Amino acid sequence: MTVLVVDDDDITRRLIARRLQKAGGDTLKAEAASDLLRTDRSSALVITDVMMPGTDGLNMVKPLRRTPPSRLPVLICSALGTPGAVARAAGIGAR
């Protein structure tokens, strides 16, 4: 399974990717949300941060839901755990 890890922080991206690789997964890494839209859509899962420069992780999910594969699972991984952010993520189909 290939997981796309999107985070503007290189250390965080590498830590998440390393953990996934140790579990036997393949990873692609992108530092900005806009990179996802240019990346091969063969990933089975996207893990993204919320707070990034430009388009944040939640706004990045919206175009994904409009184009195939529209049901690509998205996991939000962020220190921002406010009830509003959690509700917003759930409202656009991210977890």
PDB file of N, CA and C in Angstrom:
ATOM      1  N   MET A   1       0.848  -1.176   0.000  1.00  0.00           N
ATOM      2  CA  MET A   1       0.000   0.000   0.000  1.00  0.00           C
ATOM      3  C   MET A   1       0.892   1.237   0.000  1.00  0.00           C
ATOM      4  N   THR A   2       0.560   2.196  -0.834  1.00  0.00           N
ATOM      5  CA  THR A   2       1.306   3.450  -0.893  1.00  0.00           C
ATOM      6  C   THR A   2       0.534   4.536  -0.154  1.00  0.00           C
ATOM      7  N   VAL A   3       1.233   5.230   0.735  1.00  0.00           N
ATOM      8  CA  VAL A   3       0.649   6.308   1.518  1.00  0.00           C
ATOM      9  C   VAL A   3       1.350   7.606   1.130  1.00  0.00           C
ATOM     10  N   LEU A   4       0.562   8.622   0.819  1.00  0.00           N
ATOM     11  CA  LEU A   4       1.104   9.939   0.529  1.00  0.00           C
ATOM     12  C   LEU A   4       1.108  10.751   1.816  1.00  0.00           C
ATOM     13  N   VAL A   5       2.279  11.222   2.233  1.00  0.00           N
ATOM     14  CA  VAL A   5       2.440  12.011   3.451  1.00  0.00           C
ATOM     15  C   VAL A   5       2.663  13.467   3.039  1.00  0.00           C
ATOM     16  N   VAL A   6       1.742  14.352   3.450  1.00  0.00           N
ATOM     17  CA  VAL A   6       1.814  15.773   3.088  1.00  0.00           C
ATOM     18  C   VAL A   6       2.009  16.589   4.364  1.00  0.00           C
ATOM     19  N   ASP A   7       3.148  17.247   4.462  1.00  0.00           N
ATOM     20  CA  ASP A   7       3.426  18.112   5.610  1.00  0.00           C
ATOM     21  C   ASP A   7       4.502  19.100   5.191  1.00  0.00           C
ATOM     22  N   ASP A   8       4.394  20.342   5.640  1.00  0.00           N
ATOM     23  CA  ASP A   8       5.397  21.343   5.279  1.00  0.00           C
ATOM     24  C   ASP A   8       6.678  21.186   6.086  1.00  0.00           C
ATOM     25  N   ASP A   9       6.654  20.406   7.155  1.00  0.00           N
ATOM     26  CA  ASP A   9       7.830  20.197   7.991  1.00  0.00           C
ATOM     27  C   ASP A   9       8.538  18.903   7.570  1.00  0.00           C
ATOM     28  N   ASP A  10       9.769  19.038   7.107  1.00  0.00           N
ATOM     29  CA  ASP A  10      10.521  17.890   6.598  1.00  0.00           C
ATOM     30  C   ASP A  10      10.713  16.810   7.651  1.00  0.00           C
ATOM     31  N   ILE A  11      11.005  17.194   8.875  1.00  0.00           N
ATOM     32  CA  ILE A  11      11.232  16.212   9.941  1.00  0.00           C
ATOM     33  C   ILE A  11       9.965  15.399  10.191  1.00  0.00           C
ATOM     34  N   THR A  12       8.832  16.061  10.270  1.00  0.00           N
ATOM     35  CA  THR A  12       7.567  15.359  10.486  1.00  0.00           C
ATOM     36  C   THR A  12       7.276  14.412   9.333  1.00  0.00           C
ATOM     37  N   ARG A  13       7.464  14.896   8.110  1.00  0.00           N
ATOM     38  CA  ARG A  13       7.249  14.054   6.923  1.00  0.00           C
ATOM     39  C   ARG A  13       8.109  12.794   6.987  1.00  0.00           C
ATOM     40  N   ARG A  14       9.381  12.981   7.304  1.00  0.00           N
ATOM     41  CA  ARG A  14      10.297  11.835   7.353  1.00  0.00           C
ATOM     42  C   ARG A  14       9.958  10.867   8.483  1.00  0.00           C
ATOM     43  N   LEU A  15       9.562  11.402   9.643  1.00  0.00           N
ATOM     44  CA  LEU A  15       9.199  10.531  10.774  1.00  0.00           C
ATOM     45  C   LEU A  15       7.977   9.674  10.447  1.00  0.00           C
ATOM     46  N   ILE A  16       6.964  10.293   9.891  1.00  0.00           N
ATOM     47  CA  ILE A  16       5.754   9.546   9.534  1.00  0.00           C
ATOM     48  C   ILE A  16       6.076   8.509   8.461  1.00  0.00           C
ATOM     49  N   ALA A  17       6.825   8.913   7.438  1.00  0.00           N
ATOM     50  CA  ALA A  17       7.185   7.991   6.355  1.00  0.00           C
ATOM     51  C   ALA A  17       8.017   6.822   6.882  1.00  0.00           C
ATOM     52  N   ARG A  18       8.960   7.108   7.738  1.00  0.00           N
ATOM     53  CA  ARG A  18       9.813   6.045   8.289  1.00  0.00           C
ATOM     54  C   ARG A  18       8.985   5.034   9.070  1.00  0.00           C
ATOM     55  N   ARG A  19       8.059   5.517   9.871  1.00  0.00           N
ATOM     56  CA  ARG A  19       7.209   4.620  10.662  1.00  0.00           C
ATOM     57  C   ARG A  19       6.362   3.739   9.744  1.00  0.00           C
ATOM     58  N   LEU A  20       5.806   4.330   8.706  1.00  0.00           N
ATOM     59  CA  LEU A  20       4.997   3.570   7.751  1.00  0.00           C
ATOM     60  C   LEU A  20       5.846   2.540   7.008  1.00  0.00           C
ATOM     61  N   GLN A  21       7.056   2.910   6.627  1.00  0.00           N
ATOM     62  CA  GLN A  21       7.943   1.994   5.920  1.00  0.00           C
ATOM     63  C   GLN A  21       8.349   0.821   6.801  1.00  0.00           C
ATOM     64  N   LYS A  22       8.560   1.075   8.096  1.00  0.00           N
ATOM     65  CA  LYS A  22       8.887  -0.012   9.028  1.00  0.00           C
ATOM     66  C   LYS A  22       7.732  -0.996   9.143  1.00  0.00           C
ATOM     67  N   ALA A  23       6.515  -0.491   8.939  1.00  0.00           N
ATOM     68  CA  ALA A  23       5.326  -1.358   8.994  1.00  0.00           C
ATOM     69  C   ALA A  23       5.079  -2.051   7.653  1.00  0.00           C
ATOM     70  N   GLY A  24       5.955  -1.804   6.671  1.00  0.00           N
ATOM     71  CA  GLY A  24       5.841  -2.480   5.390  1.00  0.00           C
ATOM     72  C   GLY A  24       5.152  -1.693   4.296  1.00  0.00           C
ATOM     73  N   GLY A  25       4.848  -0.436   4.530  1.00  0.00           N
ATOM     74  CA  GLY A  25       4.176   0.380   3.521  1.00  0.00           C
ATOM     75  C   GLY A  25       5.149   1.150   2.645  1.00  0.00           C
ATOM     76  N   ASP A  26       4.687   1.546   1.491  1.00  0.00           N
ATOM     77  CA  ASP A  26       5.441   2.426   0.607  1.00  0.00           C
ATOM     78  C   ASP A  26       4.935   3.844   0.839  1.00  0.00           C
ATOM     79  N   THR A  27       5.801   4.829   0.695  1.00  0.00           N
ATOM     80  CA  THR A  27       5.378   6.207   0.924  1.00  0.00           C
ATOM     81  C   THR A  27       5.837   7.130  -0.195  1.00  0.00           C
ATOM     82  N   LEU A  28       5.029   8.148  -0.402  1.00  0.00           N
ATOM     83  CA  LEU A  28       5.381   9.301  -1.219  1.00  0.00           C
ATOM     84  C   LEU A  28       5.298  10.478  -0.272  1.00  0.00           C
ATOM     85  N   LYS A  29       6.150  11.483  -0.460  1.00  0.00           N
ATOM     86  CA  LYS A  29       6.142  12.641   0.427  1.00  0.00           C
ATOM     87  C   LYS A  29       5.989  13.915  -0.391  1.00  0.00           C
ATOM     88  N   ALA A  30       5.217  14.850   0.160  1.00  0.00           N
ATOM     89  CA  ALA A  30       5.049  16.166  -0.454  1.00  0.00           C
ATOM     90  C   ALA A  30       5.068  17.196   0.660  1.00  0.00           C
ATOM     91  N   GLU A  31       5.687  18.360   0.395  1.00  0.00           N
ATOM     92  CA  GLU A  31       5.802  19.364   1.447  1.00  0.00           C
ATOM     93  C   GLU A  31       4.693  20.398   1.446  1.00  0.00           C
ATOM     94  N   ALA A  32       3.906  20.468   0.407  1.00  0.00           N
ATOM     95  CA  ALA A  32       2.828  21.451   0.350  1.00  0.00           C
ATOM     96  C   ALA A  32       1.564  20.777  -0.162  1.00  0.00           C
ATOM     97  N   ALA A  33       0.447  21.259   0.293  1.00  0.00           N
ATOM     98  CA  ALA A  33      -0.825  20.668  -0.105  1.00  0.00           C
ATOM     99  C   ALA A  33      -1.009  20.678  -1.613  1.00  0.00           C
ATOM    100  N   SER A  34      -0.538  21.724  -2.278  1.00  0.00           N
ATOM    101  CA  SER A  34      -0.707  21.808  -3.728  1.00  0.00           C
ATOM    102  C   SER A  34       0.074  20.714  -4.450  1.00  0.00           C
ATOM    103  N   ASP A  35       1.143  20.200  -3.835  1.00  0.00           N
ATOM    104  CA  ASP A  35       1.913  19.119  -4.446  1.00  0.00           C
ATOM    105  C   ASP A  35       1.058  17.871  -4.640  1.00  0.00           C
ATOM    106  N   LEU A  36       0.119  17.655  -3.756  1.00  0.00           N
ATOM    107  CA  LEU A  36      -0.739  16.479  -3.842  1.00  0.00           C
ATOM    108  C   LEU A  36      -1.494  16.445  -5.157  1.00  0.00           C
ATOM    109  N   LEU A  37      -1.943  17.571  -5.614  1.00  0.00           N
ATOM    110  CA  LEU A  37      -2.741  17.625  -6.835  1.00  0.00           C
ATOM    111  C   LEU A  37      -1.923  17.292  -8.068  1.00  0.00           C
ATOM    112  N   ARG A  38      -0.595  17.395  -7.970  1.00  0.00           N
ATOM    113  CA  ARG A  38       0.282  17.063  -9.093  1.00  0.00           C
ATOM    114  C   ARG A  38       0.880  15.668  -8.961  1.00  0.00           C
ATOM    115  N   THR A  39       0.602  14.993  -7.851  1.00  0.00           N
ATOM    116  CA  THR A  39       1.196  13.695  -7.558  1.00  0.00           C
ATOM    117  C   THR A  39       0.374  12.572  -8.169  1.00  0.00           C
ATOM    118  N   ASP A  40       1.034  11.498  -8.501  1.00  0.00           N
ATOM    119  CA  ASP A  40       0.358  10.304  -8.999  1.00  0.00           C
ATOM    120  C   ASP A  40      -0.750   9.917  -8.031  1.00  0.00           C
ATOM    121  N   ARG A  41      -1.934   9.686  -8.548  1.00  0.00           N
ATOM    122  CA  ARG A  41      -3.104   9.375  -7.714  1.00  0.00           C
ATOM    123  C   ARG A  41      -3.200   7.897  -7.338  1.00  0.00           C
ATOM    124  N   SER A  42      -2.090   7.165  -7.374  1.00  0.00           N
ATOM    125  CA  SER A  42      -2.125   5.743  -7.059  1.00  0.00           C
ATOM    126  C   SER A  42      -2.063   5.460  -5.560  1.00  0.00           C
ATOM    127  N   SER A  43      -1.945   6.487  -4.736  1.00  0.00           N
ATOM    128  CA  SER A  43      -1.873   6.286  -3.290  1.00  0.00           C
ATOM    129  C   SER A  43      -3.181   5.712  -2.763  1.00  0.00           C
ATOM    130  N   ALA A  44      -3.062   4.851  -1.756  1.00  0.00           N
ATOM    131  CA  ALA A  44      -4.234   4.241  -1.135  1.00  0.00           C
ATOM    132  C   ALA A  44      -4.723   5.049   0.061  1.00  0.00           C
ATOM    133  N   LEU A  45      -3.877   5.971   0.548  1.00  0.00           N
ATOM    134  CA  LEU A  45      -4.190   6.764   1.730  1.00  0.00           C
ATOM    135  C   LEU A  45      -3.374   8.042   1.679  1.00  0.00           C
ATOM    136  N   VAL A  46      -3.949   9.139   2.194  1.00  0.00           N
ATOM    137  CA  VAL A  46      -3.227  10.401   2.334  1.00  0.00           C
ATOM    138  C   VAL A  46      -3.200  10.754   3.815  1.00  0.00           C
ATOM    139  N   ILE A  47      -2.034  11.084   4.318  1.00  0.00           N
ATOM    140  CA  ILE A  47      -1.894  11.611   5.678  1.00  0.00           C
ATOM    141  C   ILE A  47      -1.406  13.038   5.516  1.00  0.00           C
ATOM    142  N   THR A  48      -2.141  13.998   6.075  1.00  0.00           N
ATOM    143  CA  THR A  48      -1.781  15.400   5.897  1.00  0.00           C
ATOM    144  C   THR A  48      -1.887  16.185   7.193  1.00  0.00           C
ATOM    145  N   ASP A  49      -1.096  17.224   7.269  1.00  0.00           N
ATOM    146  CA  ASP A  49      -1.171  18.194   8.352  1.00  0.00           C
ATOM    147  C   ASP A  49      -2.295  19.175   8.020  1.00  0.00           C
ATOM    148  N   VAL A  50      -2.773  19.898   9.005  1.00  0.00           N
ATOM    149  CA  VAL A  50      -3.801  20.912   8.760  1.00  0.00           C
ATOM    150  C   VAL A  50      -3.151  22.243   8.424  1.00  0.00           C
ATOM    151  N   MET A  51      -2.282  22.711   9.298  1.00  0.00           N
ATOM    152  CA  MET A  51      -1.727  24.050   9.151  1.00  0.00           C
ATOM    153  C   MET A  51      -0.458  24.029   8.306  1.00  0.00           C
ATOM    154  N   MET A  52      -0.619  24.448   7.047  1.00  0.00           N
ATOM    155  CA  MET A  52       0.502  24.527   6.115  1.00  0.00           C
ATOM    156  C   MET A  52       0.378  25.833   5.347  1.00  0.00           C
ATOM    157  N   PRO A  53       1.490  26.330   4.791  1.00  0.00           N
ATOM    158  CA  PRO A  53       1.403  27.559   4.007  1.00  0.00           C
ATOM    159  C   PRO A  53       0.568  27.347   2.744  1.00  0.00           C
ATOM    160  N   GLY A  54      -0.048  28.392   2.285  1.00  0.00           N
ATOM    161  CA  GLY A  54      -0.900  28.264   1.092  1.00  0.00           C
ATOM    162  C   GLY A  54      -2.202  27.579   1.447  1.00  0.00           C
ATOM    163  N   THR A  55      -2.533  26.534   0.741  1.00  0.00           N
ATOM    164  CA  THR A  55      -3.751  25.779   1.009  1.00  0.00           C
ATOM    165  C   THR A  55      -3.512  24.837   2.171  1.00  0.00           C
ATOM    166  N   ASP A  56      -4.343  24.920   3.216  1.00  0.00           N
ATOM    167  CA  ASP A  56      -4.155  24.025   4.353  1.00  0.00           C
ATOM    168  C   ASP A  56      -4.641  22.622   4.008  1.00  0.00           C
ATOM    169  N   GLY A  57      -4.337  21.676   4.886  1.00  0.00           N
ATOM    170  CA  GLY A  57      -4.673  20.283   4.638  1.00  0.00           C
ATOM    171  C   GLY A  57      -6.157  20.027   4.441  1.00  0.00           C
ATOM    172  N   LEU A  58      -7.008  20.766   5.148  1.00  0.00           N
ATOM    173  CA  LEU A  58      -8.448  20.562   4.999  1.00  0.00           C
ATOM    174  C   LEU A  58      -8.948  21.086   3.664  1.00  0.00           C
ATOM    175  N   ASN A  59      -8.460  22.242   3.240  1.00  0.00           N
ATOM    176  CA  ASN A  59      -8.861  22.770   1.932  1.00  0.00           C
ATOM    177  C   ASN A  59      -8.320  21.921   0.787  1.00  0.00           C
ATOM    178  N   MET A  60      -7.227  21.232   1.012  1.00  0.00           N
ATOM    179  CA  MET A  60      -6.656  20.361  -0.001  1.00  0.00           C
ATOM    180  C   MET A  60      -7.565  19.169  -0.289  1.00  0.00           C
ATOM    181  N   VAL A  61      -8.326  18.746   0.709  1.00  0.00           N
ATOM    182  CA  VAL A  61      -9.187  17.571   0.556  1.00  0.00           C
ATOM    183  C   VAL A  61     -10.350  17.847  -0.391  1.00  0.00           C
ATOM    184  N   LYS A  62     -10.839  19.066  -0.423  1.00  0.00           N
ATOM    185  CA  LYS A  62     -12.016  19.392  -1.241  1.00  0.00           C
ATOM    186  C   LYS A  62     -11.854  19.017  -2.709  1.00  0.00           C
ATOM    187  N   PRO A  63     -10.752  19.398  -3.392  1.00  0.00           N
ATOM    188  CA  PRO A  63     -10.600  18.977  -4.791  1.00  0.00           C
ATOM    189  C   PRO A  63     -10.493  17.460  -4.946  1.00  0.00           C
ATOM    190  N   LEU A  64      -9.939  16.789  -3.939  1.00  0.00           N
ATOM    191  CA  LEU A  64      -9.857  15.328  -3.996  1.00  0.00           C
ATOM    192  C   LEU A  64     -11.239  14.691  -4.050  1.00  0.00           C
ATOM    193  N   ARG A  65     -12.181  15.295  -3.378  1.00  0.00           N
ATOM    194  CA  ARG A  65     -13.535  14.750  -3.330  1.00  0.00           C
ATOM    195  C   ARG A  65     -14.288  14.993  -4.633  1.00  0.00           C
ATOM    196  N   ARG A  66     -13.789  15.899  -5.478  1.00  0.00           N
ATOM    197  CA  ARG A  66     -14.454  16.203  -6.754  1.00  0.00           C
ATOM    198  C   ARG A  66     -13.888  15.420  -7.926  1.00  0.00           C
ATOM    199  N   THR A  67     -12.706  14.770  -7.743  1.00  0.00           N
ATOM    200  CA  THR A  67     -12.087  14.040  -8.844  1.00  0.00           C
ATOM    201  C   THR A  67     -11.763  12.611  -8.413  1.00  0.00           C
ATOM    202  N   PRO A  68     -11.784  11.655  -9.330  1.00  0.00           N
ATOM    203  CA  PRO A  68     -11.478  10.258  -8.986  1.00  0.00           C
ATOM    204  C   PRO A  68     -10.052  10.126  -8.476  1.00  0.00           C
ATOM    205  N   PRO A  69      -9.739   9.257  -7.548  1.00  0.00           N
ATOM    206  CA  PRO A  69     -10.704   8.487  -6.774  1.00  0.00           C
ATOM    207  C   PRO A  69     -11.264   9.336  -5.630  1.00  0.00           C
ATOM    208  N   SER A  70     -12.514   9.679  -5.680  1.00  0.00           N
ATOM    209  CA  SER A  70     -13.103  10.625  -4.736  1.00  0.00           C
ATOM    210  C   SER A  70     -13.196  10.080  -3.317  1.00  0.00           C
ATOM    211  N   ARG A  71     -13.093   8.803  -3.140  1.00  0.00           N
ATOM    212  CA  ARG A  71     -13.194   8.219  -1.800  1.00  0.00           C
ATOM    213  C   ARG A  71     -11.825   7.868  -1.225  1.00  0.00           C
ATOM    214  N   LEU A  72     -10.777   8.460  -1.758  1.00  0.00           N
ATOM    215  CA  LEU A  72      -9.437   8.228  -1.236  1.00  0.00           C
ATOM    216  C   LEU A  72      -9.419   8.586   0.246  1.00  0.00           C
ATOM    217  N   PRO A  73      -9.067   7.653   1.128  1.00  0.00           N
ATOM    218  CA  PRO A  73      -9.053   7.959   2.570  1.00  0.00           C
ATOM    219  C   PRO A  73      -8.016   9.029   2.894  1.00  0.00           C
ATOM    220  N   VAL A  74      -8.406   9.970   3.743  1.00  0.00           N
ATOM    221  CA  VAL A  74      -7.518  11.046   4.179  1.00  0.00           C
ATOM    222  C   VAL A  74      -7.506  11.058   5.700  1.00  0.00           C
ATOM    223  N   LEU A  75      -6.317  10.993   6.258  1.00  0.00           N
ATOM    224  CA  LEU A  75      -6.116  11.042   7.700  1.00  0.00           C
ATOM    225  C   LEU A  75      -5.438  12.358   8.027  1.00  0.00           C
ATOM    226  N   ILE A  76      -6.065  13.142   8.905  1.00  0.00           N
ATOM    227  CA  ILE A  76      -5.493  14.411   9.336  1.00  0.00           C
ATOM    228  C   ILE A  76      -4.625  14.140  10.557  1.00  0.00           C
ATOM    229  N   CYS A  77      -3.372  14.547  10.476  1.00  0.00           N
ATOM    230  CA  CYS A  77      -2.414  14.343  11.556  1.00  0.00           C
ATOM    231  C   CYS A  77      -1.909  15.724  11.959  1.00  0.00           C
ATOM    232  N   SER A  78      -2.414  16.244  13.074  1.00  0.00           N
ATOM    233  CA  SER A  78      -2.071  17.613  13.426  1.00  0.00           C
ATOM    234  C   SER A  78      -2.146  17.837  14.926  1.00  0.00           C
ATOM    235  N   ALA A  79      -1.395  18.810  15.384  1.00  0.00           N
ATOM    236  CA  ALA A  79      -1.477  19.221  16.783  1.00  0.00           C
ATOM    237  C   ALA A  79      -2.713  20.073  17.021  1.00  0.00           C
ATOM    238  N   LEU A  80      -3.353  20.519  15.956  1.00  0.00           N
ATOM    239  CA  LEU A  80      -4.558  21.338  16.048  1.00  0.00           C
ATOM    240  C   LEU A  80      -5.745  20.418  16.287  1.00  0.00           C
ATOM    241  N   GLY A  81      -6.172  20.281  17.536  1.00  0.00           N
ATOM    242  CA  GLY A  81      -7.240  19.349  17.865  1.00  0.00           C
ATOM    243  C   GLY A  81      -8.470  20.030  18.416  1.00  0.00           C
ATOM    244  N   THR A  82      -8.714  21.248  17.978  1.00  0.00           N
ATOM    245  CA  THR A  82      -9.882  21.960  18.464  1.00  0.00           C
ATOM    246  C   THR A  82     -11.150  21.290  17.946  1.00  0.00           C
ATOM    247  N   PRO A  83     -12.254  21.372  18.697  1.00  0.00           N
ATOM    248  CA  PRO A  83     -13.507  20.770  18.223  1.00  0.00           C
ATOM    249  C   PRO A  83     -13.925  21.277  16.846  1.00  0.00           C
ATOM    250  N   GLY A  84     -13.680  22.557  16.550  1.00  0.00           N
ATOM    251  CA  GLY A  84     -14.043  23.103  15.247  1.00  0.00           C
ATOM    252  C   GLY A  84     -13.247  22.468  14.117  1.00  0.00           C
ATOM    253  N   ALA A  85     -11.953  22.267  14.333  1.00  0.00           N
ATOM    254  CA  ALA A  85     -11.105  21.652  13.301  1.00  0.00           C
ATOM    255  C   ALA A  85     -11.488  20.197  13.086  1.00  0.00           C
ATOM    256  N   VAL A  86     -11.787  19.496  14.165  1.00  0.00           N
ATOM    257  CA  VAL A  86     -12.190  18.092  14.060  1.00  0.00           C
ATOM    258  C   VAL A  86     -13.520  17.981  13.311  1.00  0.00           C
ATOM    259  N   ALA A  87     -14.476  18.852  13.643  1.00  0.00           N
ATOM    260  CA  ALA A  87     -15.773  18.835  12.953  1.00  0.00           C
ATOM    261  C   ALA A  87     -15.616  19.186  11.484  1.00  0.00           C
ATOM    262  N   ARG A  88     -14.761  20.150  11.179  1.00  0.00           N
ATOM    263  CA  ARG A  88     -14.527  20.542   9.788  1.00  0.00           C
ATOM    264  C   ARG A  88     -13.924  19.381   8.997  1.00  0.00           C
ATOM    265  N   ALA A  89     -12.956  18.685   9.584  1.00  0.00           N
ATOM    266  CA  ALA A  89     -12.331  17.524   8.924  1.00  0.00           C
ATOM    267  C   ALA A  89     -13.366  16.435   8.657  1.00  0.00           C
ATOM    268  N   ALA A  90     -14.182  16.137   9.641  1.00  0.00           N
ATOM    269  CA  ALA A  90     -15.225  15.111   9.465  1.00  0.00           C
ATOM    270  C   ALA A  90     -16.238  15.538   8.410  1.00  0.00           C
ATOM    271  N   GLY A  91     -16.538  16.820   8.347  1.00  0.00           N
ATOM    272  CA  GLY A  91     -17.517  17.330   7.387  1.00  0.00           C
ATOM    273  C   GLY A  91     -17.083  17.205   5.935  1.00  0.00           C
ATOM    274  N   ILE A  92     -15.771  17.117   5.695  1.00  0.00           N
ATOM    275  CA  ILE A  92     -15.291  16.977   4.317  1.00  0.00           C
ATOM    276  C   ILE A  92     -14.795  15.563   4.036  1.00  0.00           C
ATOM    277  N   GLY A  93     -15.054  14.661   4.955  1.00  0.00           N
ATOM    278  CA  GLY A  93     -14.714  13.267   4.724  1.00  0.00           C
ATOM    279  C   GLY A  93     -13.312  12.866   5.114  1.00  0.00           C
ATOM    280  N   ALA A  94     -12.650  13.650   5.948  1.00  0.00           N
ATOM    281  CA  ALA A  94     -11.323  13.294   6.464  1.00  0.00           C
ATOM    282  C   ALA A  94     -11.492  12.829   7.894  1.00  0.00           C
ATOM    283  N   ARG A  95     -10.518  12.115   8.382  1.00  0.00           N
ATOM    284  CA  ARG A  95     -10.555  11.624   9.767  1.00  0.00           C
ATOM    285  C   ARG A  95      -9.259  11.953  10.460  1.00  0.00           C
TER     286      ARG A  95
END
